[in-house]
């Protein structure tokens, strides 16, 4: 194997290697978790230099994804609740969780449409904020949850990180275009920021698992396999919807498959049985494994097209 081939393996699977590093550095790297909101803010700000407000458009694909997401989430809950209530709640929670803010960055890395993802973020987060409180009250009637307070709590977890980079970058686009254009030159750095953040995210997830040592190995394996199936299912269904409805599969696949696991874990710990929060923690691992392989496949296809352009 040549040095160039080895380099390509490391480059194509950089996200996967970042996760491996996160596992080995888990005793220390989790202490850097306080940096994640700032890293995400920088990533999003640089990424948003690539799009204009006119690029953010709602479409029938968004409606199809939204309906599919809620039918699938509620359906899985009722299908599994008689067998395992905790697993049913956890899988439903992760399916109903809105698109991750970082999905716009990953989608752009794979040649997708960031505007499509931002529209999904808006729909998903508003829907989750409005629909989750009555569902949580029905599952945990003794908690006495206030509808308005719960809505505001959920919105506060995502709104600042979603809105502030957009306001900043689009403000620069129209107010200080030269500064905006200078920042746009560094948009490619988002990949390296994401690799670094994955090291921290993985180590933080490992630490979370260790803190919930009450789970038996057998039950942990059941959860891990169940989450793996759900993860693949959401990505595959999302890509299939996009393919059938005339949008890039990567757009719809990331919109449905890449979840805001931080929000899901927080909701599990705040409003539900704390064990439920372990389930979206497994999703952190699986969705980033899927993203790593998708990105590697995309980069190989781009490299092949560059090296072997079609003959005219």
C-alpha atoms as a PDB file:
ATOM      1  CA  UNK A   1       0.000   0.000   0.000  1.00  0.00           C
ATOM      2  CA  UNK A   2       1.466   3.349  -1.081  1.00  0.00           C
ATOM      3  CA  UNK A   3       1.783   6.385   1.157  1.00  0.00           C
ATOM      4  CA  UNK A   4      -0.831   8.143  -0.993  1.00  0.00           C
ATOM      5  CA  UNK A   5      -3.325   5.317  -0.417  1.00  0.00           C
ATOM      6  CA  UNK A   6      -2.695   5.437   3.337  1.00  0.00           C
ATOM      7  CA  UNK A   7      -3.189   9.215   3.311  1.00  0.00           C
ATOM      8  CA  UNK A   8      -6.441   8.826   1.399  1.00  0.00           C
ATOM      9  CA  UNK A   9      -7.754   6.269   3.904  1.00  0.00           C
ATOM     10  CA  UNK A  10      -7.044   8.637   6.787  1.00  0.00           C
ATOM     11  CA  UNK A  11      -8.535  11.603   4.935  1.00  0.00           C
ATOM     12  CA  UNK A  12     -11.667   9.833   3.689  1.00  0.00           C
ATOM     13  CA  UNK A  13     -12.411   8.311   7.098  1.00  0.00           C
ATOM     14  CA  UNK A  14     -11.259  11.287   9.177  1.00  0.00           C
ATOM     15  CA  UNK A  15     -14.563  11.406  11.086  1.00  0.00           C
ATOM     16  CA  UNK A  16     -14.185   7.753  12.055  1.00  0.00           C
ATOM     17  CA  UNK A  17     -10.588   8.271  13.184  1.00  0.00           C
ATOM     18  CA  UNK A  18     -11.718  11.259  15.244  1.00  0.00           C
ATOM     19  CA  UNK A  19     -14.175   9.004  17.062  1.00  0.00           C
ATOM     20  CA  UNK A  20     -11.437   6.427  17.691  1.00  0.00           C
ATOM     21  CA  UNK A  21      -9.218   9.150  19.142  1.00  0.00           C
ATOM     22  CA  UNK A  22     -12.159  10.257  21.296  1.00  0.00           C
ATOM     23  CA  UNK A  23     -12.479   6.733  22.724  1.00  0.00           C
ATOM     24  CA  UNK A  24      -8.782   6.583  23.656  1.00  0.00           C
ATOM     25  CA  UNK A  25      -8.786  10.107  25.086  1.00  0.00           C
ATOM     26  CA  UNK A  26     -12.113   9.687  26.893  1.00  0.00           C
ATOM     27  CA  UNK A  27     -10.566  10.010  30.395  1.00  0.00           C
ATOM     28  CA  UNK A  28      -9.468  13.572  29.551  1.00  0.00           C
ATOM     29  CA  UNK A  29     -11.085  14.936  26.378  1.00  0.00           C
ATOM     30  CA  UNK A  30     -14.579  15.151  27.907  1.00  0.00           C
ATOM     31  CA  UNK A  31     -13.282  18.058  30.012  1.00  0.00           C
ATOM     32  CA  UNK A  32     -13.258  20.112  26.802  1.00  0.00           C
ATOM     33  CA  UNK A  33     -17.027  19.695  26.378  1.00  0.00           C
ATOM     34  CA  UNK A  34     -17.549  23.328  27.402  1.00  0.00           C
ATOM     35  CA  UNK A  35     -15.937  24.292  24.070  1.00  0.00           C
ATOM     36  CA  UNK A  36     -18.567  22.533  21.942  1.00  0.00           C
ATOM     37  CA  UNK A  37     -21.112  25.400  21.744  1.00  0.00           C
ATOM     38  CA  UNK A  38     -18.346  27.783  20.671  1.00  0.00           C
ATOM     39  CA  UNK A  39     -16.948  25.346  18.096  1.00  0.00           C
ATOM     40  CA  UNK A  40     -20.448  24.774  16.737  1.00  0.00           C
ATOM     41  CA  UNK A  41     -21.046  28.520  16.554  1.00  0.00           C
ATOM     42  CA  UNK A  42     -17.858  29.022  14.514  1.00  0.00           C
ATOM     43  CA  UNK A  43     -18.664  26.051  12.265  1.00  0.00           C
ATOM     44  CA  UNK A  44     -22.173  27.271  11.549  1.00  0.00           C
ATOM     45  CA  UNK A  45     -21.074  30.862  11.011  1.00  0.00           C
ATOM     46  CA  UNK A  46     -18.457  29.822   8.442  1.00  0.00           C
ATOM     47  CA  UNK A  47     -20.872  27.423   6.758  1.00  0.00           C
ATOM     48  CA  UNK A  48     -23.659  30.004   6.490  1.00  0.00           C
ATOM     49  CA  UNK A  49     -21.402  32.237   4.381  1.00  0.00           C
ATOM     50  CA  UNK A  50     -22.207  29.813   1.537  1.00  0.00           C
ATOM     51  CA  UNK A  51     -25.936  30.499   1.470  1.00  0.00           C
ATOM     52  CA  UNK A  52     -28.294  33.459   1.082  1.00  0.00           C
ATOM     53  CA  UNK A  53     -31.680  33.965   2.786  1.00  0.00           C
ATOM     54  CA  UNK A  54     -33.380  33.165  -0.526  1.00  0.00           C
ATOM     55  CA  UNK A  55     -31.873  29.648  -0.377  1.00  0.00           C
ATOM     56  CA  UNK A  56     -34.022  28.716   2.642  1.00  0.00           C
ATOM     57  CA  UNK A  57     -37.313  27.463   1.213  1.00  0.00           C
ATOM     58  CA  UNK A  58     -40.013  25.153   2.556  1.00  0.00           C
ATOM     59  CA  UNK A  59     -41.114  22.402   0.176  1.00  0.00           C
ATOM     60  CA  UNK A  60     -43.387  19.381  -0.081  1.00  0.00           C
ATOM     61  CA  UNK A  61     -40.362  17.220   0.749  1.00  0.00           C
ATOM     62  CA  UNK A  62     -40.182  18.864   4.176  1.00  0.00           C
ATOM     63  CA  UNK A  63     -43.842  18.023   4.769  1.00  0.00           C
ATOM     64  CA  UNK A  64     -43.275  14.405   3.720  1.00  0.00           C
ATOM     65  CA  UNK A  65     -40.264  14.107   6.043  1.00  0.00           C
ATOM     66  CA  UNK A  66     -42.175  15.657   8.948  1.00  0.00           C
ATOM     67  CA  UNK A  67     -45.169  13.331   8.549  1.00  0.00           C
ATOM     68  CA  UNK A  68     -42.897  10.285   8.132  1.00  0.00           C
ATOM     69  CA  UNK A  69     -40.908  11.219  11.228  1.00  0.00           C
ATOM     70  CA  UNK A  70     -43.937  11.488  13.491  1.00  0.00           C
ATOM     71  CA  UNK A  71     -45.745   8.447  12.098  1.00  0.00           C
ATOM     72  CA  UNK A  72     -42.580   6.375  12.512  1.00  0.00           C
ATOM     73  CA  UNK A  73     -41.817   7.682  16.008  1.00  0.00           C
ATOM     74  CA  UNK A  74     -45.320   7.240  17.411  1.00  0.00           C
ATOM     75  CA  UNK A  75     -45.696   3.894  15.618  1.00  0.00           C
ATOM     76  CA  UNK A  76     -42.505   2.466  17.107  1.00  0.00           C
ATOM     77  CA  UNK A  77     -43.549   3.600  20.584  1.00  0.00           C
ATOM     78  CA  UNK A  78     -46.908   1.804  20.457  1.00  0.00           C
ATOM     79  CA  UNK A  79     -45.342  -1.258  18.817  1.00  0.00           C
ATOM     80  CA  UNK A  80     -42.730  -1.697  21.581  1.00  0.00           C
ATOM     81  CA  UNK A  81     -44.362  -0.284  24.728  1.00  0.00           C
ATOM     82  CA  UNK A  82     -45.858  -3.620  25.818  1.00  0.00           C
ATOM     83  CA  UNK A  83     -42.438  -5.280  25.498  1.00  0.00           C
ATOM     84  CA  UNK A  84     -40.178  -2.571  26.973  1.00  0.00           C
ATOM     85  CA  UNK A  85     -41.549   0.852  27.928  1.00  0.00           C
ATOM     86  CA  UNK A  86     -38.121   2.465  28.418  1.00  0.00           C
ATOM     87  CA  UNK A  87     -36.792   1.260  25.063  1.00  0.00           C
ATOM     88  CA  UNK A  88     -40.031   2.321  23.356  1.00  0.00           C
ATOM     89  CA  UNK A  89     -39.799   5.822  24.831  1.00  0.00           C
ATOM     90  CA  UNK A  90     -36.111   6.170  23.980  1.00  0.00           C
ATOM     91  CA  UNK A  91     -36.456   5.064  20.356  1.00  0.00           C
ATOM     92  CA  UNK A  92     -39.525   7.263  19.868  1.00  0.00           C
ATOM     93  CA  UNK A  93     -37.672  10.196  21.434  1.00  0.00           C
ATOM     94  CA  UNK A  94     -34.712   9.899  19.088  1.00  0.00           C
ATOM     95  CA  UNK A  95     -36.910   9.537  15.997  1.00  0.00           C
ATOM     96  CA  UNK A  96     -39.030  12.565  16.954  1.00  0.00           C
ATOM     97  CA  UNK A  97     -35.986  14.674  17.828  1.00  0.00           C
ATOM     98  CA  UNK A  98     -35.464  17.428  15.228  1.00  0.00           C
ATOM     99  CA  UNK A  99     -32.557  17.666  12.822  1.00  0.00           C
ATOM    100  CA  UNK A 100     -29.175  18.484  14.351  1.00  0.00           C
ATOM    101  CA  UNK A 101     -27.929  22.025  13.813  1.00  0.00           C
ATOM    102  CA  UNK A 102     -24.631  20.517  12.634  1.00  0.00           C
ATOM    103  CA  UNK A 103     -26.467  18.610   9.876  1.00  0.00           C
ATOM    104  CA  UNK A 104     -26.210  21.695   7.673  1.00  0.00           C
ATOM    105  CA  UNK A 105     -22.409  21.499   7.908  1.00  0.00           C
ATOM    106  CA  UNK A 106     -22.239  17.761   7.142  1.00  0.00           C
ATOM    107  CA  UNK A 107     -24.733  18.131   4.284  1.00  0.00           C
ATOM    108  CA  UNK A 108     -22.619  20.879   2.719  1.00  0.00           C
ATOM    109  CA  UNK A 109     -19.529  18.650   2.975  1.00  0.00           C
ATOM    110  CA  UNK A 110     -21.357  16.061   0.864  1.00  0.00           C
ATOM    111  CA  UNK A 111     -22.514  18.511  -1.795  1.00  0.00           C
ATOM    112  CA  UNK A 112     -26.006  18.990  -0.375  1.00  0.00           C
ATOM    113  CA  UNK A 113     -28.229  22.027   0.092  1.00  0.00           C
ATOM    114  CA  UNK A 114     -27.759  23.849   3.401  1.00  0.00           C
ATOM    115  CA  UNK A 115     -30.908  25.906   2.836  1.00  0.00           C
ATOM    116  CA  UNK A 116     -32.949  22.685   2.779  1.00  0.00           C
ATOM    117  CA  UNK A 117     -31.498  21.658   6.157  1.00  0.00           C
ATOM    118  CA  UNK A 118     -32.112  25.066   7.749  1.00  0.00           C
ATOM    119  CA  UNK A 119     -35.766  24.851   6.704  1.00  0.00           C
ATOM    120  CA  UNK A 120     -35.908  21.379   8.304  1.00  0.00           C
ATOM    121  CA  UNK A 121     -34.365  22.777  11.481  1.00  0.00           C
ATOM    122  CA  UNK A 122     -37.030  25.445  11.769  1.00  0.00           C
ATOM    123  CA  UNK A 123     -39.924  23.023  11.161  1.00  0.00           C
ATOM    124  CA  UNK A 124     -38.539  20.295  13.436  1.00  0.00           C
ATOM    125  CA  UNK A 125     -37.649  22.484  16.398  1.00  0.00           C
ATOM    126  CA  UNK A 126     -40.922  24.413  16.391  1.00  0.00           C
ATOM    127  CA  UNK A 127     -42.903  21.157  16.098  1.00  0.00           C
ATOM    128  CA  UNK A 128     -40.939  19.466  18.885  1.00  0.00           C
ATOM    129  CA  UNK A 129     -41.419  22.458  21.177  1.00  0.00           C
ATOM    130  CA  UNK A 130     -45.191  22.552  20.620  1.00  0.00           C
ATOM    131  CA  UNK A 131     -45.988  18.828  20.470  1.00  0.00           C
ATOM    132  CA  UNK A 132     -43.573  17.337  23.008  1.00  0.00           C
ATOM    133  CA  UNK A 133     -45.075  18.874  26.202  1.00  0.00           C
ATOM    134  CA  UNK A 134     -48.515  17.169  25.951  1.00  0.00           C
ATOM    135  CA  UNK A 135     -46.833  13.873  25.029  1.00  0.00           C
ATOM    136  CA  UNK A 136     -44.489  14.121  28.015  1.00  0.00           C
ATOM    137  CA  UNK A 137     -47.418  14.962  30.300  1.00  0.00           C
ATOM    138  CA  UNK A 138     -49.287  11.853  29.140  1.00  0.00           C
ATOM    139  CA  UNK A 139     -46.231   9.642  29.743  1.00  0.00           C
ATOM    140  CA  UNK A 140     -45.355  11.209  33.110  1.00  0.00           C
ATOM    141  CA  UNK A 141     -48.625  12.632  34.518  1.00  0.00           C
ATOM    142  CA  UNK A 142     -47.235  12.982  38.043  1.00  0.00           C
ATOM    143  CA  UNK A 143     -44.564  15.505  37.055  1.00  0.00           C
ATOM    144  CA  UNK A 144     -47.037  18.382  36.715  1.00  0.00           C
ATOM    145  CA  UNK A 145     -45.308  19.868  33.677  1.00  0.00           C
ATOM    146  CA  UNK A 146     -46.409  23.354  32.614  1.00  0.00           C
ATOM    147  CA  UNK A 147     -47.066  23.505  28.875  1.00  0.00           C
ATOM    148  CA  UNK A 148     -45.713  27.021  28.328  1.00  0.00           C
ATOM    149  CA  UNK A 149     -42.687  26.516  30.578  1.00  0.00           C
ATOM    150  CA  UNK A 150     -41.787  23.270  28.797  1.00  0.00           C
ATOM    151  CA  UNK A 151     -42.166  24.886  25.359  1.00  0.00           C
ATOM    152  CA  UNK A 152     -39.848  27.726  26.357  1.00  0.00           C
ATOM    153  CA  UNK A 153     -37.327  25.330  27.890  1.00  0.00           C
ATOM    154  CA  UNK A 154     -37.109  23.245  24.721  1.00  0.00           C
ATOM    155  CA  UNK A 155     -36.915  26.296  22.448  1.00  0.00           C
ATOM    156  CA  UNK A 156     -34.146  27.815  24.563  1.00  0.00           C
ATOM    157  CA  UNK A 157     -31.954  24.740  24.045  1.00  0.00           C
ATOM    158  CA  UNK A 158     -31.783  25.225  20.286  1.00  0.00           C
ATOM    159  CA  UNK A 159     -32.863  28.720  19.322  1.00  0.00           C
ATOM    160  CA  UNK A 160     -29.704  30.649  20.213  1.00  0.00           C
ATOM    161  CA  UNK A 161     -27.317  28.269  18.465  1.00  0.00           C
ATOM    162  CA  UNK A 162     -29.590  28.116  15.435  1.00  0.00           C
ATOM    163  CA  UNK A 163     -30.466  31.806  15.130  1.00  0.00           C
ATOM    164  CA  UNK A 164     -27.349  33.716  16.233  1.00  0.00           C
ATOM    165  CA  UNK A 165     -24.963  32.481  13.481  1.00  0.00           C
ATOM    166  CA  UNK A 166     -27.619  33.171  10.833  1.00  0.00           C
ATOM    167  CA  UNK A 167     -28.253  36.704  12.135  1.00  0.00           C
ATOM    168  CA  UNK A 168     -24.506  37.396  12.353  1.00  0.00           C
ATOM    169  CA  UNK A 169     -23.530  36.119   8.905  1.00  0.00           C
ATOM    170  CA  UNK A 170     -26.525  37.459   7.024  1.00  0.00           C
ATOM    171  CA  UNK A 171     -26.046  40.782   8.793  1.00  0.00           C
ATOM    172  CA  UNK A 172     -22.459  40.844   7.519  1.00  0.00           C
ATOM    173  CA  UNK A 173     -23.617  39.806   4.039  1.00  0.00           C
ATOM    174  CA  UNK A 174     -25.744  42.934   3.710  1.00  0.00           C
ATOM    175  CA  UNK A 175     -23.931  45.324   6.073  1.00  0.00           C
ATOM    176  CA  UNK A 176     -20.236  44.445   5.708  1.00  0.00           C
ATOM    177  CA  UNK A 177     -19.928  42.347   2.534  1.00  0.00           C
ATOM    178  CA  UNK A 178     -16.120  42.507   2.481  1.00  0.00           C
ATOM    179  CA  UNK A 179     -15.923  40.971   5.955  1.00  0.00           C
ATOM    180  CA  UNK A 180     -18.470  38.343   4.902  1.00  0.00           C
ATOM    181  CA  UNK A 181     -16.445  37.449   1.806  1.00  0.00           C
ATOM    182  CA  UNK A 182     -13.252  37.208   3.834  1.00  0.00           C
ATOM    183  CA  UNK A 183     -14.903  34.790   6.263  1.00  0.00           C
ATOM    184  CA  UNK A 184     -16.260  32.767   3.335  1.00  0.00           C
ATOM    185  CA  UNK A 185     -12.674  31.936   2.328  1.00  0.00           C
ATOM    186  CA  UNK A 186     -12.349  29.906   5.537  1.00  0.00           C
ATOM    187  CA  UNK A 187     -15.558  27.895   5.081  1.00  0.00           C
ATOM    188  CA  UNK A 188     -13.492  24.782   4.306  1.00  0.00           C
ATOM    189  CA  UNK A 189     -12.152  24.809   7.854  1.00  0.00           C
ATOM    190  CA  UNK A 190     -15.500  23.553   9.128  1.00  0.00           C
ATOM    191  CA  UNK A 191     -14.407  19.980   8.372  1.00  0.00           C
ATOM    192  CA  UNK A 192     -11.442  20.216  10.752  1.00  0.00           C
ATOM    193  CA  UNK A 193     -13.540  21.892  13.433  1.00  0.00           C
ATOM    194  CA  UNK A 194     -16.011  19.010  13.123  1.00  0.00           C
ATOM    195  CA  UNK A 195     -13.246  16.400  13.451  1.00  0.00           C
ATOM    196  CA  UNK A 196     -12.039  18.080  16.638  1.00  0.00           C
ATOM    197  CA  UNK A 197     -15.566  18.349  18.032  1.00  0.00           C
ATOM    198  CA  UNK A 198     -16.142  14.637  17.327  1.00  0.00           C
ATOM    199  CA  UNK A 199     -13.192  13.773  19.565  1.00  0.00           C
ATOM    200  CA  UNK A 200     -14.871  15.668  22.406  1.00  0.00           C
ATOM    201  CA  UNK A 201     -18.384  14.366  21.627  1.00  0.00           C
ATOM    202  CA  UNK A 202     -17.197  10.747  21.576  1.00  0.00           C
ATOM    203  CA  UNK A 203     -15.247  11.057  24.819  1.00  0.00           C
ATOM    204  CA  UNK A 204     -18.215  12.763  26.456  1.00  0.00           C
ATOM    205  CA  UNK A 205     -20.500   9.926  25.305  1.00  0.00           C
ATOM    206  CA  UNK A 206     -18.121   7.287  26.710  1.00  0.00           C
ATOM    207  CA  UNK A 207     -18.114   9.123  30.026  1.00  0.00           C
ATOM    208  CA  UNK A 208     -21.928   9.245  29.989  1.00  0.00           C
ATOM    209  CA  UNK A 209     -22.070   5.457  29.508  1.00  0.00           C
ATOM    210  CA  UNK A 210     -19.704   4.932  32.442  1.00  0.00           C
ATOM    211  CA  UNK A 211     -21.859   7.102  34.675  1.00  0.00           C
ATOM    212  CA  UNK A 212     -24.869   4.896  33.874  1.00  0.00           C
ATOM    213  CA  UNK A 213     -23.263   1.644  34.897  1.00  0.00           C
ATOM    214  CA  UNK A 214     -26.592   0.342  36.211  1.00  0.00           C
ATOM    215  CA  UNK A 215     -27.354  -1.002  32.726  1.00  0.00           C
ATOM    216  CA  UNK A 216     -26.537  -4.681  32.307  1.00  0.00           C
ATOM    217  CA  UNK A 217     -24.330  -5.739  29.407  1.00  0.00           C
ATOM    218  CA  UNK A 218     -27.183  -7.714  27.852  1.00  0.00           C
ATOM    219  CA  UNK A 219     -29.591  -4.771  28.006  1.00  0.00           C
ATOM    220  CA  UNK A 220     -26.885  -2.445  26.699  1.00  0.00           C
ATOM    221  CA  UNK A 221     -26.396  -4.687  23.661  1.00  0.00           C
ATOM    222  CA  UNK A 222     -30.168  -4.741  23.023  1.00  0.00           C
ATOM    223  CA  UNK A 223     -30.273  -0.936  23.162  1.00  0.00           C
ATOM    224  CA  UNK A 224     -27.199  -0.556  20.943  1.00  0.00           C
ATOM    225  CA  UNK A 225     -28.561  -2.896  18.260  1.00  0.00           C
ATOM    226  CA  UNK A 226     -32.035  -1.342  18.395  1.00  0.00           C
ATOM    227  CA  UNK A 227     -30.611   2.159  18.004  1.00  0.00           C
ATOM    228  CA  UNK A 228     -28.396   0.972  15.134  1.00  0.00           C
ATOM    229  CA  UNK A 229     -31.438  -0.346  13.261  1.00  0.00           C
ATOM    230  CA  UNK A 230     -33.382   2.870  13.884  1.00  0.00           C
ATOM    231  CA  UNK A 231     -30.412   4.979  12.796  1.00  0.00           C
ATOM    232  CA  UNK A 232     -30.038   3.120   9.496  1.00  0.00           C
ATOM    233  CA  UNK A 233     -33.802   3.179   9.006  1.00  0.00           C
ATOM    234  CA  UNK A 234     -34.070   6.962   9.332  1.00  0.00           C
ATOM    235  CA  UNK A 235     -31.189   7.643   6.949  1.00  0.00           C
ATOM    236  CA  UNK A 236     -32.428   5.123   4.371  1.00  0.00           C
ATOM    237  CA  UNK A 237     -36.053   6.304   4.530  1.00  0.00           C
ATOM    238  CA  UNK A 238     -34.944   9.931   4.347  1.00  0.00           C
ATOM    239  CA  UNK A 239     -32.788   9.330   1.273  1.00  0.00           C
ATOM    240  CA  UNK A 240     -35.575   7.306  -0.336  1.00  0.00           C
ATOM    241  CA  UNK A 241     -38.080  10.151   0.147  1.00  0.00           C
ATOM    242  CA  UNK A 242     -35.676  12.622  -1.428  1.00  0.00           C
ATOM    243  CA  UNK A 243     -35.007  10.330  -4.363  1.00  0.00           C
ATOM    244  CA  UNK A 244     -38.723   9.807  -5.002  1.00  0.00           C
ATOM    245  CA  UNK A 245     -39.662  13.472  -4.615  1.00  0.00           C
ATOM    246  CA  UNK A 246     -36.930  15.053  -6.700  1.00  0.00           C
ATOM    247  CA  UNK A 247     -34.433  16.412  -4.187  1.00  0.00           C
ATOM    248  CA  UNK A 248     -30.878  15.301  -3.479  1.00  0.00           C
ATOM    249  CA  UNK A 249     -30.981  12.164  -1.289  1.00  0.00           C
ATOM    250  CA  UNK A 250     -28.279  13.621   0.950  1.00  0.00           C
ATOM    251  CA  UNK A 251     -30.573  16.565   1.805  1.00  0.00           C
ATOM    252  CA  UNK A 252     -33.518  14.468   2.947  1.00  0.00           C
ATOM    253  CA  UNK A 253     -31.324  11.730   4.418  1.00  0.00           C
ATOM    254  CA  UNK A 254     -29.495  14.125   6.739  1.00  0.00           C
ATOM    255  CA  UNK A 255     -32.701  16.004   7.574  1.00  0.00           C
ATOM    256  CA  UNK A 256     -34.385  12.828   8.828  1.00  0.00           C
ATOM    257  CA  UNK A 257     -31.349  10.863  10.007  1.00  0.00           C
ATOM    258  CA  UNK A 258     -28.976  13.299  11.702  1.00  0.00           C
ATOM    259  CA  UNK A 259     -30.533  14.114  15.062  1.00  0.00           C
ATOM    260  CA  UNK A 260     -29.994  16.772  17.689  1.00  0.00           C
ATOM    261  CA  UNK A 261     -28.845  14.179  20.229  1.00  0.00           C
ATOM    262  CA  UNK A 262     -27.863  16.856  22.751  1.00  0.00           C
ATOM    263  CA  UNK A 263     -31.510  17.951  22.876  1.00  0.00           C
ATOM    264  CA  UNK A 264     -32.721  14.329  23.094  1.00  0.00           C
ATOM    265  CA  UNK A 265     -30.352  13.491  25.962  1.00  0.00           C
ATOM    266  CA  UNK A 266     -31.336  16.672  27.806  1.00  0.00           C
ATOM    267  CA  UNK A 267     -35.055  15.916  27.393  1.00  0.00           C
ATOM    268  CA  UNK A 268     -34.518  12.372  28.657  1.00  0.00           C
ATOM    269  CA  UNK A 269     -32.695  13.613  31.749  1.00  0.00           C
ATOM    270  CA  UNK A 270     -35.035  16.563  32.407  1.00  0.00           C
ATOM    271  CA  UNK A 271     -38.523  15.240  31.699  1.00  0.00           C
ATOM    272  CA  UNK A 272     -38.314  11.430  31.507  1.00  0.00           C
ATOM    273  CA  UNK A 273     -36.813   8.388  33.199  1.00  0.00           C
ATOM    274  CA  UNK A 274     -33.036   9.129  33.159  1.00  0.00           C
ATOM    275  CA  UNK A 275     -32.320   5.691  31.643  1.00  0.00           C
ATOM    276  CA  UNK A 276     -34.164   6.872  28.511  1.00  0.00           C
ATOM    277  CA  UNK A 277     -31.332   9.362  27.895  1.00  0.00           C
ATOM    278  CA  UNK A 278     -28.874   6.490  27.352  1.00  0.00           C
ATOM    279  CA  UNK A 279     -30.671   5.568  24.113  1.00  0.00           C
ATOM    280  CA  UNK A 280     -29.944   8.836  22.244  1.00  0.00           C
ATOM    281  CA  UNK A 281     -26.389   8.555  23.579  1.00  0.00           C
ATOM    282  CA  UNK A 282     -25.969   5.402  21.483  1.00  0.00           C
ATOM    283  CA  UNK A 283     -27.405   7.312  18.532  1.00  0.00           C
ATOM    284  CA  UNK A 284     -24.498   9.787  18.839  1.00  0.00           C
ATOM    285  CA  UNK A 285     -22.113   6.973  17.940  1.00  0.00           C
ATOM    286  CA  UNK A 286     -24.149   5.376  15.171  1.00  0.00           C
ATOM    287  CA  UNK A 287     -25.107   8.553  13.317  1.00  0.00           C
ATOM    288  CA  UNK A 288     -21.488   9.672  13.204  1.00  0.00           C
ATOM    289  CA  UNK A 289     -20.388   6.257  11.951  1.00  0.00           C
ATOM    290  CA  UNK A 290     -22.987   6.580   9.176  1.00  0.00           C
ATOM    291  CA  UNK A 291     -21.808  10.121   8.428  1.00  0.00           C
ATOM    292  CA  UNK A 292     -18.183   8.982   8.285  1.00  0.00           C
ATOM    293  CA  UNK A 293     -18.931   6.292   5.703  1.00  0.00           C
ATOM    294  CA  UNK A 294     -21.212   8.587   3.698  1.00  0.00           C
ATOM    295  CA  UNK A 295     -18.571  11.312   3.568  1.00  0.00           C
ATOM    296  CA  UNK A 296     -15.852   8.824   2.611  1.00  0.00           C
ATOM    297  CA  UNK A 297     -18.038   7.450  -0.182  1.00  0.00           C
ATOM    298  CA  UNK A 298     -18.806  10.961  -1.438  1.00  0.00           C
ATOM    299  CA  UNK A 299     -15.138  11.953  -1.460  1.00  0.00           C
ATOM    300  CA  UNK A 300     -14.154   8.798  -3.325  1.00  0.00           C
ATOM    301  CA  UNK A 301     -16.834   9.422  -5.946  1.00  0.00           C
ATOM    302  CA  UNK A 302     -15.658  13.025  -6.402  1.00  0.00           C
ATOM    303  CA  UNK A 303     -12.036  11.874  -6.665  1.00  0.00           C
ATOM    304  CA  UNK A 304     -12.970   9.210  -9.221  1.00  0.00           C
ATOM    305  CA  UNK A 305     -14.864  11.759 -11.326  1.00  0.00           C
ATOM    306  CA  UNK A 306     -11.893  14.123 -11.161  1.00  0.00           C
ATOM    307  CA  UNK A 307      -9.409  11.431 -12.185  1.00  0.00           C
ATOM    308  CA  UNK A 308     -11.722   9.904 -14.804  1.00  0.00           C
ATOM    309  CA  UNK A 309     -13.846  12.697 -16.298  1.00  0.00           C
ATOM    310  CA  UNK A 310     -16.628  11.571 -18.631  1.00  0.00           C
ATOM    311  CA  UNK A 311     -15.730  11.557 -22.310  1.00  0.00           C
ATOM    312  CA  UNK A 312     -17.716  13.999 -24.429  1.00  0.00           C
END
